[in-house]
């Protein structure tokens, strides 16, 4: 019976999600740096998706991760690294 349920679920659910094409470009613990990176990338026409994994009780744990589409990773990393020059 479990196999039948699993087969039915797999048939009903899409196996690909919009997040499958996103790749991690950088992560930081500083919220202001994440905002700066996001603004710089969006200014260059790169859509950005941010996941804040910081602990809401203690802001010293976790990181803020910045994701972009897999075809834009190299360009995004170049823009972020260029900022430090």
Protein backbone atom coordinates (compact mmCIF):
# COMPACT_ATOMS: atom_id res chain seq x y z
CA UNK A 1 0.00 0.00 0.00
CA UNK A 2 2.87 2.38 0.79
CA UNK A 3 4.23 1.92 -2.71
CA UNK A 4 0.87 2.81 -4.22
CA UNK A 5 0.65 5.98 -2.13
CA UNK A 6 4.22 6.93 -3.00
CA UNK A 7 3.55 6.35 -6.70
CA UNK A 8 0.38 8.47 -6.54
CA UNK A 9 2.18 11.30 -4.72
CA UNK A 10 5.04 11.29 -7.23
CA UNK A 11 2.55 11.49 -10.08
CA UNK A 12 0.67 14.41 -8.49
CA UNK A 13 3.60 16.48 -7.28
CA UNK A 14 5.98 18.30 -9.58
CA UNK A 15 9.46 16.96 -9.18
CA UNK A 16 11.02 20.29 -10.19
CA UNK A 17 10.57 23.43 -8.12
CA UNK A 18 11.54 27.04 -8.95
CA UNK A 19 14.30 26.76 -6.35
CA UNK A 20 16.08 23.92 -8.14
CA UNK A 21 17.76 26.37 -10.51
CA UNK A 22 19.12 28.61 -7.73
CA UNK A 23 22.72 28.39 -6.53
CA UNK A 24 24.41 29.85 -3.47
CA UNK A 25 26.64 32.78 -4.37
CA UNK A 26 27.70 33.94 -0.93
CA UNK A 27 26.65 34.00 2.68
CA UNK A 28 27.26 36.47 5.47
CA UNK A 29 26.32 37.01 9.08
CA UNK A 30 25.96 40.77 8.57
CA UNK A 31 22.52 41.99 7.49
CA UNK A 32 23.87 45.23 6.02
CA UNK A 33 26.32 43.32 3.79
CA UNK A 34 23.52 41.08 2.54
CA UNK A 35 21.48 44.18 1.67
CA UNK A 36 24.42 45.76 -0.14
CA UNK A 37 25.07 42.56 -2.12
CA UNK A 38 21.40 42.30 -3.03
CA UNK A 39 21.24 45.92 -4.20
CA UNK A 40 24.43 45.64 -6.25
CA UNK A 41 23.27 42.45 -7.97
CA UNK A 42 19.79 43.80 -8.69
CA UNK A 43 21.37 47.00 -10.02
CA UNK A 44 23.21 44.83 -12.55
CA UNK A 45 19.96 43.08 -13.53
CA UNK A 46 20.50 39.87 -11.57
CA UNK A 47 17.45 38.64 -9.64
CA UNK A 48 18.38 37.68 -6.08
CA UNK A 49 16.78 35.31 -3.59
CA UNK A 50 17.82 35.68 0.06
CA UNK A 51 17.34 33.13 2.83
CA UNK A 52 17.89 34.39 6.36
CA UNK A 53 18.98 31.42 8.48
CA UNK A 54 19.87 33.53 11.49
CA UNK A 55 18.40 32.48 14.81
CA UNK A 56 15.61 34.88 15.75
CA UNK A 57 16.43 34.62 19.47
CA UNK A 58 20.18 35.14 19.18
CA UNK A 59 21.36 37.05 16.14
CA UNK A 60 24.88 35.71 16.56
CA UNK A 61 23.98 32.27 15.17
CA UNK A 62 23.36 31.42 11.53
CA UNK A 63 23.92 33.19 8.25
CA UNK A 64 22.14 35.05 5.50
CA UNK A 65 22.50 33.22 2.18
CA UNK A 66 22.27 34.87 -1.23
CA UNK A 67 21.12 32.77 -4.18
CA UNK A 68 20.95 33.52 -7.91
CA UNK A 69 19.96 31.53 -11.01
CA UNK A 70 22.61 28.96 -11.91
CA UNK A 71 23.37 30.68 -15.24
CA UNK A 72 24.27 33.93 -13.43
CA UNK A 73 26.54 32.57 -10.68
CA UNK A 74 29.89 33.56 -12.22
CA UNK A 75 28.69 37.05 -13.07
CA UNK A 76 27.21 37.51 -9.59
CA UNK A 77 30.41 36.35 -7.86
CA UNK A 78 32.44 38.74 -10.01
CA UNK A 79 30.19 41.66 -9.04
CA UNK A 80 30.38 40.80 -5.34
CA UNK A 81 34.18 40.34 -5.41
CA UNK A 82 34.62 43.54 -7.44
CA UNK A 83 32.97 45.38 -4.56
CA UNK A 84 35.91 44.55 -2.28
CA UNK A 85 38.54 46.01 -4.61
